[in-house]
Amino acid sequence: MTLPHATDAESFRAFRSDPAQWLPIALDIARSHGLDVSAPHVFANGTNLVVGLGENLILKIFPPLLRAQFVSERGSLTQLKGRLHLPIPEIVAEGTRDGWPYLVITRLTGTLGSEVWPQLPEDQKERLLRQIGETIASVQRAPLGLLAAIEPRWDDFMRRQMQGCRARHTRLGLAPKFLAGLDDLLRDAQELIPMDAPPVILIGEYIPENFLLACRDDQWSLAGLFDFGDVLAGWRDYDLLGPSAFMAAGRPGRVKSLLEGFGYARPDFALKRRLMALMLLHRASDLNAHVCIDGWQDQANDLVELQDLIWAG
């Protein structure tokens, strides 16, 4: 039983979609560490090969082409261990099989955020966004450690994103009225986005799919954070983009809660402008798919109006 030695993205996706090809290898890895394999559960979603081992452990196997995600996840879990008020997975075992690195990590308890968030009343959404802002700030207070060497470097990453920004959003179908303001925004971004400020840990994806919630006395709270495969080291505001786009939905109370939890007061023009630029430069940026405000394309005539719509308040 061996994992393929070389895979491109397309062949890996096909391989991952057929657990019959890789689950026996995953269970063999688990057995080699003396772990219980009596009740495996394959997670169909996600980027890597992921299988639950009973109720307490998860095995993640990373293909060679995604080794950077292994480095990011391993480094983040090591660096953040014991430094957060929020539970994160702990590394139980690690190794390499046929050139594919893997981690065995603890499985967190709670309800996936994406299963709960849409049904929550507004006051609880504001409460959770404040907790998310506090969590982002807490992660960013942790020392970088080995993550200081993670690639790409922030200045290189930003410059590359700026160079490809217009082509990316043209290809993704951003409306011409927003594309028209892109050059002005990118020019402002070079002044507004610090390139050489002391970097912090950036998770990149504070979104409902990546955290767990728990309910106590009819109040929902954050109960866990996972998925550290896309970590960067860079400017702190970058991590406000996920919750801004996917959760705040331009509601002034939600925006206020998120920013106050993070440590910011009411957003001024400079902050909105910087966040708008970073949203367009994010490595996963696709405004048409990610801005969760109904009819936003018709409510704003340009990028300045759009930033006021997203970060209302």
Protein backbone atom coordinates (compact mmCIF):
# COMPACT_ATOMS: atom_id res chain seq x y z
CA MET A 1 0.00 0.00 0.00
CA THR A 2 1.69 3.16 -1.20
CA LEU A 3 0.61 6.71 -1.88
CA PRO A 4 1.33 8.04 -5.39
CA HIS A 5 4.74 9.66 -5.64
CA ALA A 6 3.71 12.58 -7.85
CA THR A 7 0.30 14.16 -8.26
CA ASP A 8 -0.90 17.40 -9.78
CA ALA A 9 -3.93 19.22 -8.40
CA GLU A 10 -6.44 17.54 -10.71
CA SER A 11 -5.22 13.98 -10.18
CA PHE A 12 -5.04 14.57 -6.43
CA ARG A 13 -8.67 15.73 -6.33
CA ALA A 14 -9.67 12.55 -8.16
CA PHE A 15 -7.60 10.45 -5.75
CA ARG A 16 -9.09 12.19 -2.69
CA SER A 17 -12.64 11.70 -3.98
CA ASP A 18 -12.17 7.91 -3.94
CA PRO A 19 -11.47 6.91 -0.32
CA ALA A 20 -11.20 3.27 -1.33
CA GLN A 21 -7.79 4.13 -2.78
CA TRP A 22 -6.36 5.85 0.29
CA LEU A 23 -8.36 4.94 3.40
CA PRO A 24 -6.54 1.59 3.90
CA ILE A 25 -3.22 3.49 3.82
CA ALA A 26 -4.54 6.06 6.32
CA LEU A 27 -5.63 3.29 8.67
CA ASP A 28 -2.24 1.63 8.30
CA ILE A 29 -0.60 4.91 9.34
CA ALA A 30 -2.91 5.11 12.35
CA ARG A 31 -2.13 1.53 13.36
CA SER A 32 1.61 2.26 13.13
CA HIS A 33 1.09 4.79 15.95
CA GLY A 34 -0.99 2.36 18.02
CA LEU A 35 -4.24 4.25 17.39
CA ASP A 36 -7.78 2.86 17.36
CA VAL A 37 -9.04 2.35 13.79
CA SER A 38 -12.30 0.60 14.63
CA ALA A 39 -14.56 3.56 13.74
CA PRO A 40 -12.99 5.67 10.97
CA HIS A 41 -14.91 8.55 9.43
CA VAL A 42 -13.86 10.08 6.13
CA PHE A 43 -14.38 13.85 5.84
CA ALA A 44 -15.47 14.45 2.26
CA ASN A 45 -14.94 18.20 2.38
CA GLY A 46 -11.61 19.93 2.80
CA THR A 47 -8.37 20.14 0.89
CA ASN A 48 -6.36 17.17 2.15
CA LEU A 49 -7.02 13.54 3.06
CA VAL A 50 -8.82 13.71 6.40
CA VAL A 51 -10.19 10.83 8.46
CA GLY A 52 -11.63 10.82 11.96
CA LEU A 53 -10.34 8.11 14.27
CA GLY A 54 -13.12 7.53 16.76
CA GLU A 55 -14.39 10.56 18.64
CA ASN A 56 -11.08 11.99 19.78
CA LEU A 57 -8.54 12.09 16.93
CA ILE A 58 -8.19 13.20 13.32
CA LEU A 59 -5.54 12.14 10.80
CA LYS A 60 -4.65 14.67 8.09
CA ILE A 61 -2.46 13.54 5.18
CA PHE A 62 -1.03 16.24 2.93
CA PRO A 63 -0.01 15.56 -0.69
CA PRO A 64 3.51 16.70 -1.63
CA LEU A 65 2.13 19.57 -3.72
CA LEU A 66 0.45 20.93 -0.56
CA ARG A 67 3.41 20.45 1.75
CA ALA A 68 3.26 24.18 2.52
CA GLN A 69 -0.10 23.55 4.23
CA PHE A 70 1.50 20.90 6.42
CA VAL A 71 4.28 23.32 7.39
CA SER A 72 1.68 26.00 8.14
CA GLU A 73 -0.59 23.73 10.18
CA ARG A 74 2.21 22.11 12.14
CA GLY A 75 3.94 25.42 12.86
CA SER A 76 0.72 27.15 13.89
CA LEU A 77 -0.49 24.42 16.24
CA THR A 78 2.96 24.26 17.82
CA GLN A 79 3.28 28.03 18.19
CA LEU A 80 -0.25 28.67 19.50
CA LYS A 81 -0.38 25.75 21.94
CA GLY A 82 -1.36 27.03 25.38
CA ARG A 83 -1.49 30.66 24.22
CA LEU A 84 -5.21 31.03 23.45
CA HIS A 85 -8.35 31.05 25.57
CA LEU A 86 -10.02 29.07 22.78
CA PRO A 87 -9.37 25.35 22.21
CA ILE A 88 -7.36 24.41 19.13
CA PRO A 89 -6.21 20.94 18.04
CA GLU A 90 -3.09 19.48 19.61
CA ILE A 91 -0.55 17.40 17.71
CA VAL A 92 -0.50 13.77 18.88
CA ALA A 93 1.75 12.28 16.21
CA GLU A 94 3.37 13.22 12.91
CA GLY A 95 5.38 11.61 10.17
CA THR A 96 5.76 11.02 6.44
CA ARG A 97 4.44 8.19 4.29
CA ASP A 98 5.76 7.85 0.72
CA GLY A 99 6.71 11.53 0.72
CA TRP A 100 3.28 12.63 2.03
CA PRO A 101 3.54 14.35 5.45
CA TYR A 102 0.79 13.78 7.97
CA LEU A 103 -0.46 14.93 11.35
CA VAL A 104 -2.57 13.18 13.97
CA ILE A 105 -4.39 15.87 15.96
CA THR A 106 -7.01 15.97 18.68
CA ARG A 107 -10.62 16.40 17.62
CA LEU A 108 -12.44 19.40 19.10
CA THR A 109 -15.99 19.27 20.42
CA GLY A 110 -18.77 21.61 19.39
CA THR A 111 -21.11 22.43 16.53
CA LEU A 112 -19.71 23.64 13.23
CA GLY A 113 -20.26 27.38 12.94
CA SER A 114 -21.76 27.15 9.45
CA GLU A 115 -24.53 24.90 10.80
CA VAL A 116 -25.63 27.43 13.41
CA TRP A 117 -24.80 30.91 12.15
CA PRO A 118 -27.67 31.46 9.66
CA GLN A 119 -30.36 30.79 12.28
CA LEU A 120 -28.95 32.90 15.12
CA PRO A 121 -30.76 36.05 16.28
CA GLU A 122 -29.00 39.33 15.62
CA ASP A 123 -27.82 39.94 19.19
CA GLN A 124 -26.05 36.55 19.25
CA LYS A 125 -24.41 37.21 15.88
CA GLU A 126 -23.04 40.46 17.30
CA ARG A 127 -21.87 38.61 20.42
CA LEU A 128 -20.02 36.01 18.35
CA LEU A 129 -18.43 38.60 16.08
CA ARG A 130 -17.06 40.39 19.14
CA GLN A 131 -15.59 37.06 20.31
CA ILE A 132 -14.10 36.50 16.85
CA GLY A 133 -12.48 39.94 16.95
CA GLU A 134 -11.05 39.15 20.38
CA THR A 135 -9.78 35.78 19.15
CA ILE A 136 -8.03 37.33 16.14
CA ALA A 137 -6.31 39.83 18.44
CA SER A 138 -5.33 37.02 20.82
CA VAL A 139 -3.76 34.95 18.03
CA GLN A 140 -1.87 38.02 16.83
CA ARG A 141 -0.37 38.62 20.27
CA ALA A 142 1.38 35.25 20.11
CA PRO A 143 5.04 35.37 19.07
CA LEU A 144 5.74 34.23 15.50
CA GLY A 145 8.45 31.72 16.38
CA LEU A 146 9.21 29.51 13.38
CA LEU A 147 6.28 31.05 11.51
CA ALA A 148 8.47 34.11 10.92
CA ALA A 149 10.11 32.13 8.13
CA ILE A 150 6.87 31.00 6.46
CA GLU A 151 6.52 31.73 2.76
CA PRO A 152 5.49 33.89 1.05
CA ARG A 153 6.84 36.92 2.86
CA TRP A 154 4.22 39.62 3.37
CA ASP A 155 5.80 42.27 1.13
CA ASP A 156 6.36 39.78 -1.70
CA PHE A 157 2.85 38.41 -1.30
CA MET A 158 1.22 41.85 -1.38
CA ARG A 159 3.18 43.03 -4.40
CA ARG A 160 2.35 39.86 -6.31
CA GLN A 161 -1.34 40.24 -5.41
CA MET A 162 -1.31 43.86 -6.55
CA GLN A 163 0.26 42.93 -9.88
CA GLY A 164 -2.40 40.31 -10.60
CA CYS A 165 -5.37 42.10 -9.03
CA ARG A 166 -7.00 43.60 -12.14
CA ALA A 167 -6.62 40.42 -14.20
CA ARG A 168 -8.03 38.31 -11.36
CA HIS A 169 -11.16 40.38 -10.82
CA THR A 170 -11.76 40.87 -14.54
CA ARG A 171 -11.65 37.09 -14.95
CA LEU A 172 -14.02 36.63 -11.98
CA GLY A 173 -16.57 39.02 -13.48
CA LEU A 174 -16.40 42.00 -11.16
CA ALA A 175 -18.67 44.71 -12.55
CA PRO A 176 -16.96 47.40 -14.70
CA LYS A 177 -18.10 50.17 -12.33
CA PHE A 178 -15.95 48.60 -9.59
CA LEU A 179 -13.06 47.72 -11.88
CA ALA A 180 -12.95 51.40 -12.87
CA GLY A 181 -11.78 52.39 -9.39
CA LEU A 182 -9.24 49.63 -9.03
CA ASP A 183 -6.16 51.61 -10.09
CA ASP A 184 -6.94 54.39 -7.60
CA LEU A 185 -7.47 51.84 -4.84
CA LEU A 186 -4.22 50.02 -5.58
CA ARG A 187 -2.34 53.30 -5.57
CA ASP A 188 -3.83 54.12 -2.16
CA ALA A 189 -3.05 50.59 -0.97
CA GLN A 190 0.67 51.13 -1.38
CA GLU A 191 0.44 53.85 1.28
CA LEU A 192 -2.28 52.34 3.47
CA ILE A 193 -1.02 48.74 3.77
CA PRO A 194 2.22 48.50 5.79
CA MET A 195 4.78 46.35 4.00
CA ASP A 196 7.51 46.31 6.64
CA ALA A 197 5.61 46.65 9.94
CA PRO A 198 6.25 43.90 12.53
CA PRO A 199 4.28 40.89 11.19
CA VAL A 200 1.74 38.87 13.16
CA ILE A 201 0.20 35.43 12.70
CA LEU A 202 -2.54 35.57 10.06
CA ILE A 203 -4.91 32.60 9.89
CA GLY A 204 -6.54 33.96 6.73
CA GLU A 205 -9.92 32.23 7.16
CA TYR A 206 -11.94 33.20 10.22
CA ILE A 207 -15.13 31.90 8.64
CA PRO A 208 -18.01 29.78 10.01
CA GLU A 209 -16.64 26.61 8.40
CA ASN A 210 -13.45 26.87 10.48
CA PHE A 211 -14.72 27.31 14.03
CA LEU A 212 -16.93 25.42 16.46
CA LEU A 213 -19.70 26.81 18.65
CA ALA A 214 -21.29 25.68 21.90
CA CYS A 215 -24.57 26.75 23.51
CA ARG A 216 -24.99 27.36 27.23
CA ASP A 217 -28.04 28.99 28.82
CA ASP A 218 -29.34 29.80 25.32
CA GLN A 219 -26.15 31.74 24.52
CA TRP A 220 -23.85 30.60 21.71
CA SER A 221 -20.11 31.11 22.11
CA LEU A 222 -16.95 30.18 20.26
CA ALA A 223 -15.80 26.73 21.35
CA GLY A 224 -12.89 25.93 19.05
CA LEU A 225 -10.81 27.03 16.10
CA PHE A 226 -9.25 24.72 13.50
CA ASP A 227 -7.70 24.60 10.01
CA PHE A 228 -4.36 26.41 10.02
CA GLY A 229 -3.20 25.39 6.56
CA ASP A 230 -3.10 28.86 5.00
CA VAL A 231 -1.27 30.84 7.67
CA LEU A 232 0.78 33.89 6.70
CA ALA A 233 2.86 36.35 8.68
CA GLY A 234 1.88 39.92 7.86
CA TRP A 235 -0.27 42.97 8.57
CA ARG A 236 -2.94 42.42 11.21
CA ASP A 237 -5.99 43.84 9.39
CA TYR A 238 -5.87 41.02 6.81
CA ASP A 239 -7.67 38.68 9.21
CA LEU A 240 -10.68 40.96 9.53
CA LEU A 241 -11.69 40.18 5.94
CA GLY A 242 -13.24 36.73 6.42
CA PRO A 243 -15.73 37.74 9.12
CA SER A 244 -16.35 41.07 7.37
CA ALA A 245 -17.32 39.39 4.09
CA PHE A 246 -19.02 36.21 5.31
CA MET A 247 -20.62 37.28 8.58
CA ALA A 248 -20.94 41.01 9.22
CA ALA A 249 -23.06 41.51 6.08
CA GLY A 250 -22.80 45.29 6.28
CA ARG A 251 -24.86 45.43 9.49
CA PRO A 252 -23.56 48.33 11.62
CA GLY A 253 -24.00 46.43 14.91
CA ARG A 254 -22.08 43.42 13.63
CA VAL A 255 -19.31 45.56 12.14
CA LYS A 256 -19.01 47.50 15.40
CA SER A 257 -18.82 44.29 17.46
CA LEU A 258 -16.14 42.72 15.26
CA LEU A 259 -13.94 45.81 15.18
CA GLU A 260 -14.33 46.58 18.89
CA GLY A 261 -13.49 42.99 19.79
CA PHE A 262 -10.37 43.34 17.66
CA GLY A 263 -9.46 46.63 19.32
CA TYR A 264 -10.58 49.22 16.78
CA ALA A 265 -13.03 52.06 17.30
CA ARG A 266 -15.58 53.15 14.73
CA PRO A 267 -14.12 52.65 11.22
CA ASP A 268 -12.85 55.83 9.56
CA PHE A 269 -12.24 56.35 5.85
CA ALA A 270 -8.61 55.19 6.01
CA LEU A 271 -9.50 51.91 7.72
CA LYS A 272 -12.37 51.20 5.32
CA ARG A 273 -10.12 52.00 2.37
CA ARG A 274 -7.37 49.70 3.66
CA LEU A 275 -9.83 46.87 4.31
CA MET A 276 -11.37 47.32 0.85
CA ALA A 277 -7.93 47.05 -0.71
CA LEU A 278 -7.02 44.00 1.35
CA MET A 279 -10.32 42.34 0.47
CA LEU A 280 -9.52 42.68 -3.22
CA LEU A 281 -5.95 41.46 -2.61
CA HIS A 282 -6.84 38.46 -0.44
CA ARG A 283 -5.50 35.19 -1.84
CA ALA A 284 -9.08 33.84 -2.10
CA SER A 285 -10.69 37.12 -3.18
CA ASP A 286 -13.90 36.84 -5.21
CA LEU A 287 -16.33 39.61 -4.30
CA ASN A 288 -19.21 38.19 -6.33
CA ALA A 289 -19.05 34.95 -4.34
CA HIS A 290 -18.00 36.21 -0.92
CA VAL A 291 -19.74 39.50 -0.06
CA CYS A 292 -22.81 38.32 1.87
CA ILE A 293 -24.95 41.43 1.42
CA ASP A 294 -28.07 40.89 -0.67
CA GLY A 295 -28.02 43.02 -3.80
CA TRP A 296 -24.75 44.78 -2.96
CA GLN A 297 -23.88 45.16 -6.63
CA ASP A 298 -26.89 47.46 -7.02
CA GLN A 299 -26.42 49.34 -3.74
CA ALA A 300 -22.97 50.74 -4.55
CA ASN A 301 -21.80 52.63 -7.62
CA ASP A 302 -18.06 52.40 -7.00
CA LEU A 303 -15.49 50.96 -4.60
CA VAL A 304 -15.77 53.90 -2.18
CA GLU A 305 -19.51 53.35 -1.81
CA LEU A 306 -18.88 49.62 -1.53
CA GLN A 307 -16.43 50.01 1.36
CA ASP A 308 -19.01 52.18 3.17
CA LEU A 309 -21.60 49.47 2.57
CA ILE A 310 -19.47 46.59 3.85
CA TRP A 311 -18.07 48.42 6.89
CA ALA A 312 -21.16 50.46 7.76
CA GLY A 313 -21.17 52.39 10.99
